[in-house]
Amino acid sequence: MMLRLSDARPWTPPIIEAVASEHRNTEALVDGIDQHRQFLEASGEGRKRRARRDRREVIRLARRQLTREIEAAADDAEIGGLLESLATRDIDPISVATAVARLTVARYRQDD
């Protein structure tokens, strides 16, 4: 009986003891890796994992791009005036952030 630390999964990786520097059991390790690859392909799990990784990567890249655009908009003279008003508490941070977001979107639309 094996101890399980999580719910049952469709693939249970085998434990393969290998020592590459001694060339011990490396073929079994390669076979285990091949079996896992075959499982990923046959079950569709590999496709699902790639889709999740791709989605995370796209979001990361978009976030980076949007951050640059937002920072550029925050340097705009119009926003500078709002930041001065914020410093004197004549306007709230949400209003300034909304103005930055609107300016960013407007600039983005102009680029299309």
Protein backbone atom coordinates (compact mmCIF):
# COMPACT_ATOMS: atom_id res chain seq x y z
CA MET A 1 0.00 0.00 0.00
CA MET A 2 1.36 3.40 -1.04
CA LEU A 3 1.02 6.56 1.00
CA ARG A 4 -0.81 9.23 -1.01
CA LEU A 5 -0.49 12.88 -0.09
CA SER A 6 -3.07 14.08 -2.59
CA ASP A 7 -6.10 12.90 -4.52
CA ALA A 8 -5.71 10.15 -7.08
CA ARG A 9 -4.31 11.40 -10.35
CA PRO A 10 -4.51 9.89 -13.83
CA TRP A 11 -0.72 9.55 -13.95
CA THR A 12 1.39 8.41 -11.04
CA PRO A 13 5.05 9.00 -11.83
CA PRO A 14 7.17 5.95 -11.12
CA ILE A 15 10.08 6.29 -8.75
CA ILE A 16 13.17 5.41 -10.73
CA GLU A 17 16.48 5.35 -8.95
CA ALA A 18 19.20 6.35 -11.38
CA VAL A 19 22.74 7.69 -11.20
CA ALA A 20 23.70 9.41 -14.43
CA SER A 21 27.37 9.81 -13.55
CA GLU A 22 27.58 6.00 -13.18
CA HIS A 23 25.25 5.29 -16.13
CA ARG A 24 23.10 3.31 -13.71
CA ASN A 25 19.45 2.80 -14.66
CA THR A 26 19.47 5.73 -17.09
CA GLU A 27 17.59 3.73 -19.73
CA ALA A 28 14.77 3.09 -17.28
CA LEU A 29 14.69 6.81 -16.52
CA VAL A 30 14.50 7.68 -20.22
CA ASP A 31 11.73 5.09 -20.66
CA GLY A 32 9.81 6.62 -17.74
CA ILE A 33 10.12 10.08 -19.27
CA ASP A 34 8.92 8.72 -22.62
CA GLN A 35 5.94 7.04 -20.94
CA HIS A 36 5.01 10.31 -19.28
CA ARG A 37 5.27 12.20 -22.57
CA GLN A 38 3.05 9.57 -24.22
CA PHE A 39 0.53 9.91 -21.40
CA LEU A 40 0.49 13.70 -21.79
CA GLU A 41 -0.12 13.41 -25.52
CA ALA A 42 -2.71 10.60 -25.37
CA SER A 43 -4.73 12.09 -22.51
CA GLY A 44 -4.71 15.65 -23.77
CA GLU A 45 -3.15 16.74 -20.48
CA GLY A 46 -0.07 18.05 -22.28
CA ARG A 47 -2.26 20.31 -24.43
CA LYS A 48 -4.10 21.57 -21.33
CA ARG A 49 -0.85 22.30 -19.52
CA ARG A 50 0.56 24.15 -22.54
CA ALA A 51 -2.65 26.19 -22.80
CA ARG A 52 -2.39 27.16 -19.11
CA ARG A 53 1.29 28.11 -19.52
CA ASP A 54 0.53 30.08 -22.68
CA ARG A 55 -2.29 31.95 -20.93
CA ARG A 56 -0.04 32.84 -17.98
CA GLU A 57 2.68 34.02 -20.35
CA VAL A 58 0.29 36.19 -22.38
CA ILE A 59 -1.05 37.77 -19.19
CA ARG A 60 2.49 38.39 -17.92
CA LEU A 61 3.51 40.05 -21.19
CA ALA A 62 0.32 42.12 -21.40
CA ARG A 63 0.76 43.22 -17.80
CA ARG A 64 4.33 44.33 -18.54
CA GLN A 65 3.21 46.22 -21.64
CA LEU A 66 0.30 47.87 -19.83
CA THR A 67 2.57 48.87 -16.94
CA ARG A 68 4.88 50.67 -19.37
CA GLU A 69 1.88 52.41 -20.98
CA ILE A 70 0.44 53.42 -17.61
CA GLU A 71 3.78 54.78 -16.44
CA ALA A 72 4.10 56.79 -19.66
CA ALA A 73 0.59 58.19 -19.18
CA ALA A 74 1.42 59.15 -15.59
CA ASP A 75 4.20 61.37 -16.98
CA ASP A 76 1.70 63.32 -19.11
CA ALA A 77 1.32 67.04 -18.26
CA GLU A 78 -2.43 66.61 -17.68
CA ILE A 79 -1.76 63.89 -15.13
CA GLY A 80 0.99 66.02 -13.58
CA GLY A 81 -1.62 68.65 -12.76
CA LEU A 82 -3.84 66.02 -11.21
CA LEU A 83 -0.91 64.71 -9.16
CA GLU A 84 -0.33 68.23 -7.86
CA SER A 85 -4.01 68.41 -6.89
CA LEU A 86 -3.62 65.07 -5.19
CA ALA A 87 -0.66 66.39 -3.19
CA THR A 88 -2.84 69.22 -1.87
CA ARG A 89 -5.70 66.78 -1.31
CA ASP A 90 -7.98 68.61 -3.74
CA ILE A 91 -8.62 65.31 -5.54
CA ASP A 92 -8.63 61.68 -4.47
CA PRO A 93 -6.23 58.95 -5.70
CA ILE A 94 -9.02 56.99 -7.39
CA SER A 95 -9.87 59.97 -9.59
CA VAL A 96 -6.22 60.35 -10.62
CA ALA A 97 -5.90 56.61 -11.28
CA THR A 98 -9.07 56.73 -13.39
CA ALA A 99 -7.63 59.62 -15.42
CA VAL A 100 -4.39 57.68 -15.94
CA ALA A 101 -6.34 54.61 -17.06
CA ARG A 102 -8.49 56.64 -19.45
CA LEU A 103 -5.46 58.36 -20.94
CA THR A 104 -3.72 55.01 -21.35
CA VAL A 105 -6.74 53.54 -23.14
CA ALA A 106 -7.07 56.62 -25.35
CA ARG A 107 -3.41 56.42 -26.35
CA TYR A 108 -3.73 52.69 -27.00
CA ARG A 109 -6.73 53.27 -29.28
CA GLN A 110 -4.85 55.94 -31.21
CA ASP A 111 -2.10 53.44 -31.96
CA ASP A 112 -4.56 51.08 -33.66
